[in-house]
Amino acid sequence: MSLPQVHHITHPLVQHKLTLMREKTRSTSGFRRLLNEISMLMAYEITRDIGTQMIEIETPLEKMQAPVIDGKKTVFVSILRAGNGFLDGMLNVVPGARVGHVGLYRDPKTLVAVEYYFKMPSDMHERDVIVLDPMLATGNSAVAAVERLKETNPKSIRFVCLLAAPEGLKNFHGSHPDVPVYTAAIDRGLDEHGYIVPGLGDAGDRIFGTK
């Protein structure tokens, strides 16, 4: 089992757009657009070592062997509902990827993740999974989602979030030390309600304009 890994994506474009997203006056449409742009930028880092295969093509001058990715072997797994905000940008970069969904909600009293939906593509043992959720706060939802995904025996699992709290990272890697985490920021910590601070508020509400 590998050591816990945290990949902090510090590209200036990612950090610039994240700053704009944090602003409380940012509109729903603006927040959604920025998240889509950031997810595309993060996808380049997350898929840096994605597998390729050689195929024969013909250029205007001659035939050649050239690499292509097998997007069908990649599965983006959205933790509902906020994870859907990451999907469009990721799929713009890897349009052939399959998509799975895990429905979880956080009990407001215990902060424990409760599952209500789970749907994955077939033949998961042949696929590389990239789990999407904008916030890694307490880490309970992420831990529960990855636990369920491991039951499908995928080739690999990576977890991607926009923001992470130190408490969430500790909790997540305490349960899944073999799963690398990719994030654009590691914030100060959690408040008494389990929200990341300084954070950007409730990602789901800001994406869908429900608050």
Protein backbone atom coordinates (compact mmCIF):
# COMPACT_ATOMS: atom_id res chain seq x y z
CA MET A 1 0.00 0.00 0.00
CA SER A 2 1.43 3.36 -1.00
CA LEU A 3 1.88 6.30 1.31
CA PRO A 4 -0.83 8.97 1.40
CA GLN A 5 -0.46 11.47 -1.41
CA VAL A 6 -1.81 14.98 -1.75
CA HIS A 7 -1.27 16.75 -5.06
CA HIS A 8 -1.70 20.50 -4.61
CA ILE A 9 -2.46 22.06 -8.01
CA THR A 10 -0.95 25.53 -7.79
CA HIS A 11 -1.13 26.64 -11.43
CA PRO A 12 -1.72 30.43 -11.48
CA LEU A 13 -4.83 30.12 -13.68
CA VAL A 14 -6.40 27.65 -11.24
CA GLN A 15 -5.58 29.83 -8.23
CA HIS A 16 -6.86 32.99 -9.96
CA LYS A 17 -10.20 31.42 -10.81
CA LEU A 18 -10.52 29.90 -7.33
CA THR A 19 -10.07 33.35 -5.79
CA LEU A 20 -12.91 34.69 -7.94
CA MET A 21 -15.12 31.75 -6.92
CA ARG A 22 -14.55 32.40 -3.22
CA GLU A 23 -16.08 35.90 -3.38
CA LYS A 24 -19.51 35.89 -1.75
CA THR A 25 -20.88 38.32 -4.36
CA ARG A 26 -20.07 35.96 -7.25
CA SER A 27 -23.28 35.14 -9.15
CA THR A 28 -24.54 31.59 -9.60
CA SER A 29 -23.79 31.69 -13.32
CA GLY A 30 -20.33 33.12 -12.69
CA PHE A 31 -19.56 30.52 -10.03
CA ARG A 32 -20.71 27.72 -12.32
CA ARG A 33 -18.66 29.01 -15.26
CA LEU A 34 -15.51 29.33 -13.15
CA LEU A 35 -15.93 25.83 -11.75
CA ASN A 36 -16.25 24.47 -15.28
CA GLU A 37 -13.06 26.26 -16.30
CA ILE A 38 -11.14 25.11 -13.23
CA SER A 39 -12.24 21.51 -13.70
CA MET A 40 -10.86 21.58 -17.25
CA LEU A 41 -7.53 22.95 -16.02
CA MET A 42 -7.34 20.41 -13.19
CA ALA A 43 -8.13 17.60 -15.61
CA TYR A 44 -4.81 18.20 -17.35
CA GLU A 45 -2.94 17.55 -14.09
CA ILE A 46 -5.06 14.61 -13.00
CA THR A 47 -4.71 12.80 -16.33
CA ARG A 48 -1.00 13.56 -16.77
CA ASP A 49 -0.07 9.86 -16.61
CA ILE A 50 -3.23 8.44 -18.17
CA GLY A 51 -2.53 5.38 -20.31
CA THR A 52 -2.19 5.66 -24.09
CA GLN A 53 -2.00 3.24 -26.97
CA MET A 54 -0.44 3.56 -30.41
CA ILE A 55 -2.62 3.62 -33.51
CA GLU A 56 -1.85 4.09 -37.17
CA ILE A 57 -3.01 7.34 -38.77
CA GLU A 58 -2.27 9.05 -42.06
CA THR A 59 -1.09 12.64 -42.13
CA PRO A 60 -1.21 14.69 -45.35
CA LEU A 61 2.33 13.41 -45.98
CA GLU A 62 2.55 9.80 -44.76
CA LYS A 63 1.34 7.11 -42.40
CA MET A 64 2.60 7.05 -38.83
CA GLN A 65 2.10 5.48 -35.41
CA ALA A 66 0.72 7.99 -32.88
CA PRO A 67 -0.60 7.82 -29.28
CA VAL A 68 -4.25 8.17 -28.25
CA ILE A 69 -5.91 7.73 -24.87
CA ASP A 70 -8.59 5.15 -24.24
CA GLY A 71 -11.17 7.42 -22.65
CA LYS A 72 -13.62 4.55 -22.31
CA LYS A 73 -11.39 3.06 -19.60
CA THR A 74 -11.73 6.23 -17.50
CA VAL A 75 -14.72 6.71 -15.20
CA PHE A 76 -15.58 10.05 -13.65
CA VAL A 77 -17.58 9.36 -10.49
CA SER A 78 -19.63 12.30 -9.26
CA ILE A 79 -20.58 12.47 -5.60
CA LEU A 80 -24.03 14.01 -5.83
CA ARG A 81 -24.95 16.68 -6.05
CA ALA A 82 -22.03 19.10 -6.03
CA GLY A 83 -19.75 16.67 -7.88
CA ASN A 84 -21.83 17.30 -11.01
CA GLY A 85 -20.33 20.78 -11.13
CA PHE A 86 -16.97 19.19 -11.96
CA LEU A 87 -18.29 16.86 -14.64
CA ASP A 88 -18.73 19.11 -17.68
CA GLY A 89 -15.20 20.45 -17.60
CA MET A 90 -13.69 17.01 -17.11
CA LEU A 91 -15.76 15.56 -19.95
CA ASN A 92 -14.68 18.40 -22.23
CA VAL A 93 -11.12 17.16 -21.79
CA VAL A 94 -11.88 13.40 -21.82
CA PRO A 95 -15.17 13.16 -23.77
CA GLY A 96 -15.04 9.38 -24.08
CA ALA A 97 -15.03 8.78 -20.32
CA ARG A 98 -17.85 6.89 -18.64
CA VAL A 99 -19.71 8.51 -15.73
CA GLY A 100 -20.80 6.99 -12.43
CA HIS A 101 -22.81 8.54 -9.60
CA VAL A 102 -22.78 8.14 -5.83
CA GLY A 103 -25.66 9.75 -3.95
CA LEU A 104 -24.70 10.77 -0.40
CA TYR A 105 -26.02 13.32 2.03
CA ARG A 106 -24.48 14.49 5.27
CA ASP A 107 -26.58 13.99 8.39
CA PRO A 108 -26.73 17.51 9.87
CA LYS A 109 -26.39 16.24 13.45
CA THR A 110 -23.79 13.48 13.15
CA LEU A 111 -22.08 14.69 9.93
CA VAL A 112 -22.04 11.01 8.88
CA ALA A 113 -22.53 10.27 5.16
CA VAL A 114 -25.74 8.43 4.27
CA GLU A 115 -25.95 6.70 0.86
CA TYR A 116 -29.12 6.88 -1.24
CA TYR A 117 -27.86 6.12 -4.79
CA PHE A 118 -25.05 4.16 -6.44
CA LYS A 119 -24.73 3.55 -10.19
CA MET A 120 -21.53 2.58 -12.01
CA PRO A 121 -20.59 1.38 -15.52
CA SER A 122 -19.99 -2.33 -16.05
CA ASP A 123 -16.56 -4.01 -15.97
CA MET A 124 -15.16 -1.67 -13.32
CA HIS A 125 -12.15 -3.96 -12.88
CA GLU A 126 -10.90 -2.66 -16.25
CA ARG A 127 -11.37 1.01 -15.43
CA ASP A 128 -9.52 3.89 -13.76
CA VAL A 129 -11.80 5.90 -11.47
CA ILE A 130 -11.59 9.63 -10.81
CA VAL A 131 -13.93 10.66 -7.97
CA LEU A 132 -15.25 14.23 -8.11
CA ASP A 133 -16.49 16.34 -5.18
CA PRO A 134 -15.69 20.06 -4.83
CA MET A 135 -15.24 19.96 -1.05
CA LEU A 136 -13.27 17.59 1.18
CA ALA A 137 -14.45 18.90 4.54
CA THR A 138 -14.92 16.25 7.26
CA GLY A 139 -14.04 13.64 4.67
CA ASN A 140 -16.91 11.36 5.70
CA SER A 141 -18.65 11.43 2.32
CA ALA A 142 -15.41 10.83 0.46
CA VAL A 143 -14.48 7.94 2.73
CA ALA A 144 -17.91 6.33 2.25
CA ALA A 145 -17.91 6.84 -1.53
CA VAL A 146 -14.45 5.34 -2.02
CA GLU A 147 -15.31 2.44 0.27
CA ARG A 148 -18.26 1.56 -1.97
CA LEU A 149 -16.17 2.03 -5.12
CA LYS A 150 -13.51 -0.36 -3.86
CA GLU A 151 -16.18 -3.05 -3.75
CA THR A 152 -16.28 -2.85 -7.58
CA ASN A 153 -12.50 -3.56 -7.79
CA PRO A 154 -11.47 -0.78 -10.20
CA LYS A 155 -7.92 -0.66 -11.58
CA SER A 156 -7.22 2.60 -9.73
CA ILE A 157 -8.95 5.39 -7.80
CA ARG A 158 -8.11 9.08 -7.52
CA PHE A 159 -10.03 11.70 -5.56
CA VAL A 160 -10.38 15.25 -6.89
CA CYS A 161 -11.67 18.26 -4.94
CA LEU A 162 -11.52 22.02 -5.25
CA LEU A 163 -10.91 22.65 -1.54
CA ALA A 164 -9.69 20.39 1.25
CA ALA A 165 -9.49 20.83 5.01
CA PRO A 166 -6.61 19.27 6.98
CA GLU A 167 -9.17 17.34 9.04
CA GLY A 168 -10.72 15.90 5.90
CA LEU A 169 -7.38 14.85 4.47
CA LYS A 170 -6.42 13.15 7.73
CA ASN A 171 -9.75 11.33 7.91
CA PHE A 172 -9.68 10.31 4.26
CA HIS A 173 -6.14 8.97 4.25
CA GLY A 174 -6.74 7.29 7.60
CA SER A 175 -9.24 5.08 5.74
CA HIS A 176 -7.77 5.14 2.23
CA PRO A 177 -4.00 5.75 2.36
CA ASP A 178 -3.67 4.24 -1.11
CA VAL A 179 -5.87 6.84 -2.86
CA PRO A 180 -4.18 10.08 -4.00
CA VAL A 181 -6.00 13.37 -3.53
CA TYR A 182 -5.82 16.23 -6.03
CA THR A 183 -6.89 19.65 -4.78
CA ALA A 184 -6.54 23.32 -5.69
CA ALA A 185 -6.32 24.49 -2.05
CA ILE A 186 -5.85 23.24 1.50
CA ASP A 187 -7.72 25.69 3.72
CA ARG A 188 -7.31 26.47 7.42
CA GLY A 189 -9.84 24.03 8.84
CA LEU A 190 -13.50 23.44 9.72
CA ASP A 191 -15.99 25.54 11.65
CA GLU A 192 -18.42 24.18 14.26
CA HIS A 193 -20.83 23.15 11.51
CA GLY A 194 -18.25 21.16 9.56
CA TYR A 195 -17.81 23.75 6.79
CA ILE A 196 -14.39 24.57 5.36
CA VAL A 197 -13.02 27.99 6.39
CA PRO A 198 -12.29 30.40 4.85
CA GLY A 199 -13.79 28.20 2.11
CA LEU A 200 -16.35 29.38 -0.39
CA GLY A 201 -19.64 28.40 1.28
CA ASP A 202 -21.81 25.44 0.30
CA ALA A 203 -20.62 24.40 -3.16
CA GLY A 204 -23.89 22.70 -4.10
CA ASP A 205 -25.98 25.74 -3.19
CA ARG A 206 -23.65 28.05 -5.09
CA ILE A 207 -23.58 25.84 -8.19
CA PHE A 208 -27.35 25.35 -8.36
CA GLY A 209 -28.54 28.62 -6.81
CA THR A 210 -30.54 26.91 -4.08
CA LYS A 211 -29.67 29.26 -1.25
